[in-house]
Amino acid sequence: MLARIYQPARNAMQSGQAKTKTWILEYVPEAAKSLDPLMGWTGSSDMRGQVKMQFESLEAAVDFAKSHGIAYRVQQPHKRKPLVRAGGYGENFASNRKTVWTH
C-alpha cells in the first residue's frame, strides 16, 4: 500500500503558520468509500485510511516508512512568501503616523 508524506497547508481561516511545521504520513485509499443502504453513512473496508501519523521532520517520516517497508511518495510543500511590515500591527495605532487611518 502506498503512503503519502506531506506538510499540511495552513487553514484558510488563519493568517499564521500554526500546525504547518510537522510532516504527515497517511495511506492513500485502496478502495472507494461506499454508502450504507440503511443509514446513508459513508464507510470503507480499508482500515489504514484511519491512520495519520505526525513527524517532526521529513527525514523522520521517510525513515519510518523505510524501516516498516511502506512504499511512500513525498509531496513537497509550496512555501508562501512571508509578509512582514516594518512596524507590524502596532504601526496602525502609532502616534507619529503621517496619514489618517481609515478602513
Protein backbone atom coordinates (compact mmCIF):
# COMPACT_ATOMS: atom_id res chain seq x y z
CA MET A 1 0.00 0.00 0.00
CA LEU A 2 1.24 3.47 -0.87
CA ALA A 3 1.63 6.20 1.75
CA ARG A 4 1.76 9.94 1.19
CA ILE A 5 4.17 12.13 3.16
CA TYR A 6 3.36 15.83 3.12
CA GLN A 7 3.40 19.02 5.15
CA PRO A 8 -0.16 20.28 5.76
CA ALA A 9 -1.23 23.63 4.38
CA ARG A 10 -2.45 26.34 6.69
CA ASN A 11 -6.13 26.70 7.37
CA ALA A 12 -7.88 29.21 5.11
CA MET A 13 -9.31 30.92 8.19
CA GLN A 14 -5.96 31.73 9.74
CA SER A 15 -3.14 34.02 8.78
CA GLY A 16 -0.48 32.35 10.90
CA GLN A 17 1.59 29.26 10.28
CA ALA A 18 0.30 27.11 13.17
CA LYS A 19 0.23 23.34 12.60
CA THR A 20 2.22 23.60 9.36
CA LYS A 21 5.65 22.65 10.67
CA THR A 22 5.07 18.90 11.12
CA TRP A 23 5.09 16.24 8.42
CA ILE A 24 2.15 13.84 7.99
CA LEU A 25 2.27 10.24 6.78
CA GLU A 26 -1.09 8.86 5.70
CA TYR A 27 -2.10 5.99 3.47
CA VAL A 28 -3.62 6.51 0.04
CA PRO A 29 -7.06 4.81 -0.03
CA GLU A 30 -7.13 1.46 -1.86
CA ALA A 31 -10.88 1.22 -2.27
CA ALA A 32 -13.61 3.77 -2.83
CA LYS A 33 -15.95 4.59 0.02
CA SER A 34 -19.42 3.11 -0.09
CA LEU A 35 -22.81 4.22 1.20
CA ASP A 36 -24.65 2.21 3.79
CA PRO A 37 -28.10 1.47 2.30
CA LEU A 38 -29.96 1.72 5.61
CA MET A 39 -28.45 4.78 7.29
CA GLY A 40 -26.75 6.53 4.38
CA TRP A 41 -23.41 6.71 6.16
CA THR A 42 -20.20 6.51 4.18
CA GLY A 43 -17.75 3.80 5.07
CA SER A 44 -14.87 1.76 3.81
CA SER A 45 -13.32 -1.61 4.50
CA ASP A 46 -9.88 -0.02 4.31
CA MET A 47 -8.69 0.28 7.92
CA ARG A 48 -5.45 2.04 7.02
CA GLY A 49 -7.43 5.05 5.87
CA GLN A 50 -7.86 5.97 9.53
CA VAL A 51 -4.12 6.13 10.21
CA LYS A 52 -2.47 9.56 10.17
CA MET A 53 0.95 9.90 11.79
CA GLN A 54 2.82 13.12 12.56
CA PHE A 55 6.59 13.53 12.45
CA GLU A 56 8.87 16.42 13.37
CA SER A 57 10.86 16.24 10.13
CA LEU A 58 10.71 14.79 6.63
CA GLU A 59 13.69 12.56 7.37
CA ALA A 60 11.91 11.01 10.36
CA ALA A 61 8.82 10.21 8.26
CA VAL A 62 10.91 8.71 5.45
CA ASP A 63 12.97 6.65 7.92
CA PHE A 64 9.78 5.30 9.48
CA ALA A 65 8.36 4.32 6.09
CA LYS A 66 11.60 2.63 5.04
CA SER A 67 12.01 0.74 8.32
CA HIS A 68 8.46 -0.63 8.10
CA GLY A 69 8.61 -1.45 4.39
CA ILE A 70 5.97 1.10 3.38
CA ALA A 71 6.04 2.43 -0.18
CA TYR A 72 5.80 6.21 0.02
CA ARG A 73 5.53 9.35 -2.08
CA VAL A 74 6.76 12.72 -0.81
CA GLN A 75 4.85 15.88 -1.73
CA GLN A 76 6.97 18.97 -1.22
CA PRO A 77 5.10 21.95 0.26
CA HIS A 78 4.52 25.21 -1.57
CA LYS A 79 6.07 27.81 0.72
CA ARG A 80 4.39 31.19 0.83
CA LYS A 81 6.34 34.41 0.83
CA PRO A 82 6.25 35.96 4.32
CA LEU A 83 4.51 39.30 4.60
CA VAL A 84 6.50 41.33 7.11
CA ARG A 85 5.79 45.02 7.55
CA ALA A 86 8.36 47.31 9.09
CA GLY A 87 6.21 48.41 12.03
CA GLY A 88 3.92 45.40 12.20
CA TYR A 89 0.40 45.57 13.58
CA GLY A 90 1.31 48.27 16.10
CA GLU A 91 2.02 50.67 13.25
CA ASN A 92 -1.75 51.05 12.77
CA PHE A 93 -2.01 52.80 16.14
CA ALA A 94 1.24 54.77 16.20
CA SER A 95 1.01 58.35 17.48
CA ASN A 96 3.54 59.60 14.95
CA ARG A 97 1.51 58.38 11.99
CA LYS A 98 1.71 60.73 9.00
CA THR A 99 -1.52 59.66 7.25
CA VAL A 100 -5.06 59.31 8.56
CA TRP A 101 -6.02 55.79 9.48
CA THR A 102 -9.08 54.68 7.52
CA HIS A 103 -10.87 51.48 6.87
